[in-house]
Full PDB file with SEQRES, HELIX, SHEET, SSBOND, CRYST1, ORIGX, SCALE, CONECT and MASTER records, all heavy atoms in Angstrom:
SEQRES   1 A   36  PHE SER VAL SER PRO SER GLY ALA MET GLN VAL THR THR          
SEQRES   2 A   36  GLY ASP THR ARG PRO GLY HIS GLN HIS TRP VAL SER GLY          
SEQRES   3 A   36  ARG ALA GLY GLN PRO CYS ARG ARG CYS GLY                      
CRYST1    1.000    1.000    1.000  90.00  90.00  90.00 P 1           1          
ORIGX1      1.000000  0.000000  0.000000        0.00000                         
ORIGX2      0.000000  1.000000  0.000000        0.00000                         
ORIGX3      0.000000  0.000000  1.000000        0.00000                         
SCALE1      1.000000  0.000000  0.000000        0.00000                         
SCALE2      0.000000  1.000000  0.000000        0.00000                         
SCALE3      0.000000  0.000000  1.000000        0.00000                         
ATOM      1  N   PHE A   1      -1.312  -1.556  14.057  1.00  0.00           N  
ATOM      2  CA  PHE A   1      -0.223  -1.941  13.414  1.00  0.00           C  
ATOM      3  C   PHE A   1       0.675  -0.759  12.894  1.00  0.00           C  
ATOM      4  O   PHE A   1       1.969  -0.749  12.958  1.00  0.00           O  
ATOM      5  CB  PHE A   1      -0.386  -2.965  12.218  1.00  0.00           C  
ATOM      6  CG  PHE A   1       0.875  -3.467  11.658  1.00  0.00           C  
ATOM      7  CD1 PHE A   1       1.598  -4.431  12.356  1.00  0.00           C  
ATOM      8  CD2 PHE A   1       1.223  -2.993  10.399  1.00  0.00           C  
ATOM      9  CE1 PHE A   1       2.769  -4.938  11.661  1.00  0.00           C  
ATOM     10  CE2 PHE A   1       2.364  -3.524   9.768  1.00  0.00           C  
ATOM     11  CZ  PHE A   1       3.173  -4.559  10.544  1.00  0.00           C  
ATOM     12  N   SER A   2      -0.022   0.216  12.313  1.00  0.00           N  
ATOM     13  CA  SER A   2       0.656   1.323  11.656  1.00  0.00           C  
ATOM     14  C   SER A   2       1.446   2.212  12.730  1.00  0.00           C  
ATOM     15  O   SER A   2       2.533   2.767  12.491  1.00  0.00           O  
ATOM     16  CB  SER A   2      -0.402   2.257  11.024  1.00  0.00           C  
ATOM     17  OG  SER A   2       0.206   3.371  10.453  1.00  0.00           O  
ATOM     18  N   VAL A   3       0.995   2.247  14.007  1.00  0.00           N  
ATOM     19  CA  VAL A   3       1.653   2.974  15.018  1.00  0.00           C  
ATOM     20  C   VAL A   3       2.586   2.145  15.960  1.00  0.00           C  
ATOM     21  O   VAL A   3       3.242   2.598  16.830  1.00  0.00           O  
ATOM     22  CB  VAL A   3       0.637   3.801  15.964  1.00  0.00           C  
ATOM     23  CG1 VAL A   3      -0.190   4.732  15.161  1.00  0.00           C  
ATOM     24  CG2 VAL A   3      -0.157   2.818  16.771  1.00  0.00           C  
ATOM     25  N   SER A   4       2.529   0.848  15.712  1.00  0.00           N  
ATOM     26  CA  SER A   4       3.412  -0.039  16.528  1.00  0.00           C  
ATOM     27  C   SER A   4       4.929   0.090  16.031  1.00  0.00           C  
ATOM     28  O   SER A   4       5.257   0.419  14.990  1.00  0.00           O  
ATOM     29  CB  SER A   4       3.043  -1.557  16.349  1.00  0.00           C  
ATOM     30  OG  SER A   4       3.243  -1.983  15.024  1.00  0.00           O  
ATOM     31  N   PRO A   5       5.831  -0.134  17.078  1.00  0.00           N  
ATOM     32  CA  PRO A   5       7.272  -0.075  16.701  1.00  0.00           C  
ATOM     33  C   PRO A   5       7.624  -0.959  15.477  1.00  0.00           C  
ATOM     34  O   PRO A   5       8.629  -0.619  14.753  1.00  0.00           O  
ATOM     35  CB  PRO A   5       7.973  -0.643  18.004  1.00  0.00           C  
ATOM     36  CG  PRO A   5       6.991  -0.340  19.064  1.00  0.00           C  
ATOM     37  CD  PRO A   5       5.639  -0.567  18.477  1.00  0.00           C  
ATOM     38  N   SER A   6       7.085  -2.027  15.305  1.00  0.00           N  
ATOM     39  CA  SER A   6       7.362  -2.979  14.260  1.00  0.00           C  
ATOM     40  C   SER A   6       6.607  -2.739  12.917  1.00  0.00           C  
ATOM     41  O   SER A   6       6.757  -3.378  11.991  1.00  0.00           O  
ATOM     42  CB  SER A   6       7.267  -4.461  14.666  1.00  0.00           C  
ATOM     43  OG  SER A   6       5.897  -4.701  15.054  1.00  0.00           O  
ATOM     44  N   GLY A   7       5.585  -1.862  13.078  1.00  0.00           N  
ATOM     45  CA  GLY A   7       4.659  -1.666  11.961  1.00  0.00           C  
ATOM     46  C   GLY A   7       5.348  -0.747  10.844  1.00  0.00           C  
ATOM     47  O   GLY A   7       6.303  -0.068  11.070  1.00  0.00           O  
ATOM     48  N   ALA A   8       4.656  -0.820   9.714  1.00  0.00           N  
ATOM     49  CA  ALA A   8       4.975   0.031   8.618  1.00  0.00           C  
ATOM     50  C   ALA A   8       3.889   1.147   8.409  1.00  0.00           C  
ATOM     51  O   ALA A   8       2.708   0.764   8.314  1.00  0.00           O  
ATOM     52  CB  ALA A   8       5.080  -0.825   7.294  1.00  0.00           C  
ATOM     53  N   MET A   9       4.216   2.303   8.609  1.00  0.00           N  
ATOM     54  CA  MET A   9       3.326   3.417   8.718  1.00  0.00           C  
ATOM     55  C   MET A   9       2.358   3.461   7.438  1.00  0.00           C  
ATOM     56  O   MET A   9       2.907   3.751   6.381  1.00  0.00           O  
ATOM     57  CB  MET A   9       4.026   4.737   8.966  1.00  0.00           C  
ATOM     58  CG  MET A   9       3.226   5.967   9.106  1.00  0.00           C  
ATOM     59  SD  MET A   9       2.272   5.914  10.602  1.00  0.00           S  
ATOM     60  CE  MET A   9       1.569   7.495  10.744  1.00  0.00           C  
ATOM     61  N   GLN A  10       1.155   3.304   7.614  1.00  0.00           N  
ATOM     62  CA  GLN A  10       0.140   3.467   6.644  1.00  0.00           C  
ATOM     63  C   GLN A  10       0.447   2.621   5.378  1.00  0.00           C  
ATOM     64  O   GLN A  10       0.041   3.063   4.252  1.00  0.00           O  
ATOM     65  CB  GLN A  10      -0.057   4.966   6.271  1.00  0.00           C  
ATOM     66  CG  GLN A  10      -0.602   5.739   7.355  1.00  0.00           C  
ATOM     67  CD  GLN A  10      -0.717   7.287   6.969  1.00  0.00           C  
ATOM     68  OE1 GLN A  10      -0.283   7.641   6.018  1.00  0.00           O  
ATOM     69  NE2 GLN A  10      -1.337   7.990   7.883  1.00  0.00           N  
ATOM     70  N   VAL A  11       0.912   1.342   5.506  1.00  0.00           N  
ATOM     71  CA  VAL A  11       1.212   0.454   4.418  1.00  0.00           C  
ATOM     72  C   VAL A  11       0.079  -0.574   4.553  1.00  0.00           C  
ATOM     73  O   VAL A  11      -0.103  -1.257   5.486  1.00  0.00           O  
ATOM     74  CB  VAL A  11       2.571  -0.155   4.453  1.00  0.00           C  
ATOM     75  CG1 VAL A  11       2.687  -1.147   3.420  1.00  0.00           C  
ATOM     76  CG2 VAL A  11       3.628   0.893   4.247  1.00  0.00           C  
ATOM     77  N   THR A  12      -0.751  -0.594   3.463  1.00  0.00           N  
ATOM     78  CA  THR A  12      -1.856  -1.612   3.504  1.00  0.00           C  
ATOM     79  C   THR A  12      -1.678  -2.884   2.789  1.00  0.00           C  
ATOM     80  O   THR A  12      -2.330  -3.906   2.908  1.00  0.00           O  
ATOM     81  CB  THR A  12      -3.107  -0.926   3.103  1.00  0.00           C  
ATOM     82  OG1 THR A  12      -2.984  -0.443   1.759  1.00  0.00           O  
ATOM     83  CG2 THR A  12      -3.483   0.266   3.929  1.00  0.00           C  
ATOM     84  N   THR A  13      -0.693  -2.833   1.856  1.00  0.00           N  
ATOM     85  CA  THR A  13      -0.448  -3.958   0.911  1.00  0.00           C  
ATOM     86  C   THR A  13       0.646  -4.922   1.639  1.00  0.00           C  
ATOM     87  O   THR A  13       0.752  -6.066   1.072  1.00  0.00           O  
ATOM     88  CB  THR A  13       0.082  -3.475  -0.457  1.00  0.00           C  
ATOM     89  OG1 THR A  13       1.344  -2.729  -0.228  1.00  0.00           O  
ATOM     90  CG2 THR A  13      -0.980  -2.605  -1.142  1.00  0.00           C  
ATOM     91  N   GLY A  14       1.273  -4.423   2.568  1.00  0.00           N  
ATOM     92  CA  GLY A  14       2.603  -5.253   3.093  1.00  0.00           C  
ATOM     93  C   GLY A  14       3.773  -5.102   2.306  1.00  0.00           C  
ATOM     94  O   GLY A  14       4.845  -5.534   2.657  1.00  0.00           O  
ATOM     95  N   ASP A  15       3.664  -4.160   1.270  1.00  0.00           N  
ATOM     96  CA  ASP A  15       4.920  -3.838   0.484  1.00  0.00           C  
ATOM     97  C   ASP A  15       5.319  -2.374   0.744  1.00  0.00           C  
ATOM     98  O   ASP A  15       4.559  -1.457   0.345  1.00  0.00           O  
ATOM     99  CB  ASP A  15       4.614  -4.062  -0.977  1.00  0.00           C  
ATOM    100  CG  ASP A  15       5.814  -4.026  -1.942  1.00  0.00           C  
ATOM    101  OD1 ASP A  15       6.818  -3.374  -1.535  1.00  0.00           O  
ATOM    102  OD2 ASP A  15       5.749  -4.559  -2.968  1.00  0.00           O  
ATOM    103  N   THR A  16       6.465  -2.214   1.324  1.00  0.00           N  
ATOM    104  CA  THR A  16       6.853  -0.800   1.687  1.00  0.00           C  
ATOM    105  C   THR A  16       7.575  -0.127   0.582  1.00  0.00           C  
ATOM    106  O   THR A  16       7.980   1.044   0.804  1.00  0.00           O  
ATOM    107  CB  THR A  16       7.919  -0.942   2.907  1.00  0.00           C  
ATOM    108  OG1 THR A  16       8.993  -1.694   2.657  1.00  0.00           O  
ATOM    109  CG2 THR A  16       7.047  -1.508   4.168  1.00  0.00           C  
ATOM    110  N   ARG A  17       7.754  -0.636  -0.571  1.00  0.00           N  
ATOM    111  CA  ARG A  17       8.510   0.045  -1.644  1.00  0.00           C  
ATOM    112  C   ARG A  17       7.637   1.210  -2.148  1.00  0.00           C  
ATOM    113  O   ARG A  17       6.413   1.091  -2.209  1.00  0.00           O  
ATOM    114  CB  ARG A  17       8.668  -0.885  -2.778  1.00  0.00           C  
ATOM    115  CG  ARG A  17       9.738  -1.955  -2.498  1.00  0.00           C  
ATOM    116  CD  ARG A  17       9.806  -2.851  -3.807  1.00  0.00           C  
ATOM    117  NE  ARG A  17       8.590  -3.636  -4.077  1.00  0.00           N  
ATOM    118  CZ  ARG A  17       8.268  -4.260  -5.132  1.00  0.00           C  
ATOM    119  NH1 ARG A  17       9.082  -4.210  -6.168  1.00  0.00           N  
ATOM    120  NH2 ARG A  17       7.185  -4.772  -5.424  1.00  0.00           N  
ATOM    121  N   PRO A  18       8.245   2.363  -2.409  1.00  0.00           N  
ATOM    122  CA  PRO A  18       7.521   3.492  -2.928  1.00  0.00           C  
ATOM    123  C   PRO A  18       6.672   3.146  -4.096  1.00  0.00           C  
ATOM    124  O   PRO A  18       7.078   2.427  -5.007  1.00  0.00           O  
ATOM    125  CB  PRO A  18       8.628   4.450  -3.388  1.00  0.00           C  
ATOM    126  CG  PRO A  18       9.861   4.166  -2.429  1.00  0.00           C  
ATOM    127  CD  PRO A  18       9.701   2.655  -2.308  1.00  0.00           C  
ATOM    128  N   GLY A  19       5.355   3.606  -4.032  1.00  0.00           N  
ATOM    129  CA  GLY A  19       4.454   3.278  -5.089  1.00  0.00           C  
ATOM    130  C   GLY A  19       3.773   1.810  -4.987  1.00  0.00           C  
ATOM    131  O   GLY A  19       2.893   1.588  -5.772  1.00  0.00           O  
ATOM    132  N   HIS A  20       4.070   1.136  -3.919  1.00  0.00           N  
ATOM    133  CA  HIS A  20       3.597  -0.127  -3.760  1.00  0.00           C  
ATOM    134  C   HIS A  20       2.675  -0.299  -2.399  1.00  0.00           C  
ATOM    135  O   HIS A  20       2.264  -1.318  -2.151  1.00  0.00           O  
ATOM    136  CB  HIS A  20       4.536  -1.219  -3.764  1.00  0.00           C  
ATOM    137  CG  HIS A  20       5.193  -1.421  -5.165  1.00  0.00           C  
ATOM    138  ND1 HIS A  20       4.949  -2.325  -6.061  1.00  0.00           N  
ATOM    139  CD2 HIS A  20       6.231  -0.563  -5.725  1.00  0.00           C  
ATOM    140  CE1 HIS A  20       5.722  -2.277  -7.131  1.00  0.00           C  
ATOM    141  NE2 HIS A  20       6.627  -1.125  -7.009  1.00  0.00           N  
ATOM    142  N   GLN A  21       2.697   0.744  -1.692  1.00  0.00           N  
ATOM    143  CA  GLN A  21       2.221   0.607  -0.235  1.00  0.00           C  
ATOM    144  C   GLN A  21       0.767   0.511  -0.183  1.00  0.00           C  
ATOM    145  O   GLN A  21       0.071  -0.012   0.795  1.00  0.00           O  
ATOM    146  CB  GLN A  21       2.530   1.933   0.581  1.00  0.00           C  
ATOM    147  CG  GLN A  21       4.133   2.059   0.646  1.00  0.00           C  
ATOM    148  CD  GLN A  21       4.558   3.111  -0.330  1.00  0.00           C  
ATOM    149  OE1 GLN A  21       4.077   3.231  -1.449  1.00  0.00           O  
ATOM    150  NE2 GLN A  21       5.591   3.910   0.159  1.00  0.00           N  
ATOM    151  N   HIS A  22      -0.148   0.953  -1.262  1.00  0.00           N  
ATOM    152  CA  HIS A  22      -1.557   0.954  -1.102  1.00  0.00           C  
ATOM    153  C   HIS A  22      -2.203   0.235  -2.291  1.00  0.00           C  
ATOM    154  O   HIS A  22      -1.684   0.051  -3.294  1.00  0.00           O  
ATOM    155  CB  HIS A  22      -1.971   2.408  -1.144  1.00  0.00           C  
ATOM    156  CG  HIS A  22      -1.317   3.356  -0.060  1.00  0.00           C  
ATOM    157  ND1 HIS A  22      -0.727   4.500  -0.312  1.00  0.00           N  
ATOM    158  CD2 HIS A  22      -1.067   3.048   1.251  1.00  0.00           C  
ATOM    159  CE1 HIS A  22      -0.254   5.028   0.702  1.00  0.00           C  
ATOM    160  NE2 HIS A  22      -0.402   4.130   1.800  1.00  0.00           N  
ATOM    161  N   TRP A  23      -3.404  -0.108  -2.022  1.00  0.00           N  
ATOM    162  CA  TRP A  23      -4.244  -0.853  -2.922  1.00  0.00           C  
ATOM    163  C   TRP A  23      -4.883   0.095  -3.983  1.00  0.00           C  
ATOM    164  O   TRP A  23      -4.788  -0.157  -5.142  1.00  0.00           O  
ATOM    165  CB  TRP A  23      -5.354  -1.674  -2.272  1.00  0.00           C  
ATOM    166  CG  TRP A  23      -4.765  -2.835  -1.438  1.00  0.00           C  
ATOM    167  CD1 TRP A  23      -4.613  -2.826  -0.094  1.00  0.00           C  
ATOM    168  CD2 TRP A  23      -4.316  -4.053  -1.932  1.00  0.00           C  
ATOM    169  NE1 TRP A  23      -4.076  -4.055   0.261  1.00  0.00           N  
ATOM    170  CE2 TRP A  23      -3.951  -4.770  -0.776  1.00  0.00           C  
ATOM    171  CE3 TRP A  23      -4.247  -4.654  -3.246  1.00  0.00           C  
ATOM    172  CZ2 TRP A  23      -3.337  -6.063  -0.915  1.00  0.00           C  
ATOM    173  CZ3 TRP A  23      -3.692  -5.960  -3.258  1.00  0.00           C  
ATOM    174  CH2 TRP A  23      -3.372  -6.675  -2.120  1.00  0.00           C  
ATOM    175  N   VAL A  24      -5.496   1.106  -3.526  1.00  0.00           N  
ATOM    176  CA  VAL A  24      -6.243   1.964  -4.427  1.00  0.00           C  
ATOM    177  C   VAL A  24      -5.877   3.482  -4.208  1.00  0.00           C  
ATOM    178  O   VAL A  24      -5.852   4.195  -5.135  1.00  0.00           O  
ATOM    179  CB  VAL A  24      -7.807   1.940  -4.294  1.00  0.00           C  
ATOM    180  CG1 VAL A  24      -8.199   0.526  -4.831  1.00  0.00           C  
ATOM    181  CG2 VAL A  24      -8.242   2.082  -2.880  1.00  0.00           C  
ATOM    182  N   SER A  25      -5.560   3.918  -3.034  1.00  0.00           N  
ATOM    183  CA  SER A  25      -5.370   5.365  -2.764  1.00  0.00           C  
ATOM    184  C   SER A  25      -4.197   5.961  -3.594  1.00  0.00           C  
ATOM    185  O   SER A  25      -3.138   5.395  -3.664  1.00  0.00           O  
ATOM    186  CB  SER A  25      -5.042   5.514  -1.255  1.00  0.00           C  
ATOM    187  OG  SER A  25      -4.982   6.879  -0.956  1.00  0.00           O  
ATOM    188  N   GLY A  26      -4.574   6.954  -4.271  1.00  0.00           N  
ATOM    189  CA  GLY A  26      -3.563   7.714  -5.192  1.00  0.00           C  
ATOM    190  C   GLY A  26      -3.208   6.938  -6.377  1.00  0.00           C  
ATOM    191  O   GLY A  26      -2.263   7.382  -7.018  1.00  0.00           O  
ATOM    192  N   ARG A  27      -3.991   5.917  -6.823  1.00  0.00           N  
ATOM    193  CA  ARG A  27      -3.606   5.119  -7.904  1.00  0.00           C  
ATOM    194  C   ARG A  27      -4.480   5.244  -9.163  1.00  0.00           C  
ATOM    195  O   ARG A  27      -4.596   4.276  -9.954  1.00  0.00           O  
ATOM    196  CB  ARG A  27      -3.520   3.663  -7.485  1.00  0.00           C  
ATOM    197  CG  ARG A  27      -2.453   3.402  -6.446  1.00  0.00           C  
ATOM    198  CD  ARG A  27      -2.221   1.886  -6.216  1.00  0.00           C  
ATOM    199  NE  ARG A  27      -1.642   1.278  -7.408  1.00  0.00           N  
ATOM    200  CZ  ARG A  27      -2.225   0.374  -8.127  1.00  0.00           C  
ATOM    201  NH1 ARG A  27      -3.377  -0.037  -7.824  1.00  0.00           N  
ATOM    202  NH2 ARG A  27      -1.601  -0.105  -9.151  1.00  0.00           N  
ATOM    203  N   ALA A  28      -5.286   6.322  -9.242  1.00  0.00           N  
ATOM    204  CA  ALA A  28      -6.112   6.549 -10.449  1.00  0.00           C  
ATOM    205  C   ALA A  28      -5.421   6.178 -11.786  1.00  0.00           C  
ATOM    206  O   ALA A  28      -4.282   6.650 -11.958  1.00  0.00           O  
ATOM    207  CB  ALA A  28      -6.611   7.942 -10.459  1.00  0.00           C  
ATOM    208  N   GLY A  29      -6.069   5.491 -12.566  1.00  0.00           N  
ATOM    209  CA  GLY A  29      -5.583   5.205 -13.918  1.00  0.00           C  
ATOM    210  C   GLY A  29      -4.700   3.991 -13.938  1.00  0.00           C  
ATOM    211  O   GLY A  29      -4.281   3.490 -15.004  1.00  0.00           O  
ATOM    212  N   GLN A  30      -4.255   3.467 -12.743  1.00  0.00           N  
ATOM    213  CA  GLN A  30      -3.334   2.307 -12.777  1.00  0.00           C  
ATOM    214  C   GLN A  30      -4.180   1.011 -12.628  1.00  0.00           C  
ATOM    215  O   GLN A  30      -5.369   1.063 -12.191  1.00  0.00           O  
ATOM    216  CB  GLN A  30      -2.425   2.408 -11.552  1.00  0.00           C  
ATOM    217  CG  GLN A  30      -1.510   3.642 -11.633  1.00  0.00           C  
ATOM    218  CD  GLN A  30      -0.524   3.712 -10.466  1.00  0.00           C  
ATOM    219  OE1 GLN A  30       0.075   2.758 -10.195  1.00  0.00           O  
ATOM    220  NE2 GLN A  30      -0.399   4.995  -9.893  1.00  0.00           N  
ATOM    221  N   PRO A  31      -3.610  -0.167 -12.928  1.00  0.00           N  
ATOM    222  CA  PRO A  31      -4.435  -1.454 -12.741  1.00  0.00           C  
ATOM    223  C   PRO A  31      -4.527  -1.856 -11.291  1.00  0.00           C  
ATOM    224  O   PRO A  31      -3.602  -1.643 -10.620  1.00  0.00           O  
ATOM    225  CB  PRO A  31      -3.537  -2.388 -13.610  1.00  0.00           C  
ATOM    226  CG  PRO A  31      -2.189  -1.875 -13.579  1.00  0.00           C  
ATOM    227  CD  PRO A  31      -2.318  -0.349 -13.644  1.00  0.00           C  
ATOM    228  N   CYS A  32      -5.609  -2.388 -11.002  1.00  0.00           N  
ATOM    229  CA  CYS A  32      -5.890  -2.945  -9.711  1.00  0.00           C  
ATOM    230  C   CYS A  32      -4.808  -4.057  -9.424  1.00  0.00           C  
ATOM    231  O   CYS A  32      -4.572  -4.856 -10.421  1.00  0.00           O  
ATOM    232  CB  CYS A  32      -7.287  -3.598  -9.644  1.00  0.00           C  
ATOM    233  SG  CYS A  32      -7.579  -4.472  -8.051  1.00  0.00           S  
ATOM    234  N   ARG A  33      -4.312  -4.153  -8.364  1.00  0.00           N  
ATOM    235  CA  ARG A  33      -3.241  -5.139  -7.956  1.00  0.00           C  
ATOM    236  C   ARG A  33      -3.853  -6.567  -7.941  1.00  0.00           C  
ATOM    237  O   ARG A  33      -3.050  -7.441  -8.075  1.00  0.00           O  
ATOM    238  CB  ARG A  33      -2.570  -4.814  -6.724  1.00  0.00           C  
ATOM    239  CG  ARG A  33      -1.972  -3.326  -6.644  1.00  0.00           C  
ATOM    240  CD  ARG A  33      -1.127  -3.086  -5.394  1.00  0.00           C  
ATOM    241  NE  ARG A  33      -0.690  -1.791  -5.096  1.00  0.00           N  
ATOM    242  CZ  ARG A  33       0.304  -1.284  -5.790  1.00  0.00           C  
ATOM    243  NH1 ARG A  33       1.058  -1.961  -6.625  1.00  0.00           N  
ATOM    244  NH2 ARG A  33       0.573   0.142  -5.474  1.00  0.00           N  
ATOM    245  N   ARG A  34      -5.086  -6.662  -7.858  1.00  0.00           N  
ATOM    246  CA  ARG A  34      -5.722  -8.017  -7.789  1.00  0.00           C  
ATOM    247  C   ARG A  34      -6.272  -8.502  -9.158  1.00  0.00           C  
ATOM    248  O   ARG A  34      -6.087  -9.568  -9.610  1.00  0.00           O  
ATOM    249  CB  ARG A  34      -6.888  -8.088  -6.791  1.00  0.00           C  
ATOM    250  CG  ARG A  34      -6.347  -8.069  -5.269  1.00  0.00           C  
ATOM    251  CD  ARG A  34      -7.528  -7.983  -4.291  1.00  0.00           C  
ATOM    252  NE  ARG A  34      -7.041  -8.159  -2.958  1.00  0.00           N  
ATOM    253  CZ  ARG A  34      -7.755  -7.903  -1.889  1.00  0.00           C  
ATOM    254  NH1 ARG A  34      -9.033  -7.526  -2.060  1.00  0.00           N  
ATOM    255  NH2 ARG A  34      -7.314  -8.092  -0.663  1.00  0.00           N  
ATOM    256  N   CYS A  35      -7.064  -7.591  -9.779  1.00  0.00           N  
ATOM    257  CA  CYS A  35      -7.859  -7.929 -10.967  1.00  0.00           C  
ATOM    258  C   CYS A  35      -7.415  -7.328 -12.258  1.00  0.00           C  
ATOM    259  O   CYS A  35      -7.865  -7.758 -13.276  1.00  0.00           O  
ATOM    260  CB  CYS A  35      -9.323  -7.805 -10.730  1.00  0.00           C  
ATOM    261  SG  CYS A  35      -9.829  -6.066 -10.773  1.00  0.00           S  
ATOM    262  N   GLY A  36      -6.625  -6.189 -12.140  1.00  0.00           N  
ATOM    263  CA  GLY A  36      -6.061  -5.639 -13.341  1.00  0.00           C  
ATOM    264  C   GLY A  36      -7.082  -4.459 -13.829  1.00  0.00           C  
ATOM    265  O   GLY A  36      -6.673  -3.598 -14.791  1.00  0.00           O  
TER     266      GLY A  36                                                      
MASTER        0    0    0    0    0    0    0    6  265    1    0    3          
END                                                                             
């Protein structure tokens, strides 16, 4: 999906906004998007 024409490159959350693309990567010290 990441390399497909319609895909969002390396977005795992489905949210392409800066700072919202990943669940854990690069997010040390921030709350988990699921459990906090």
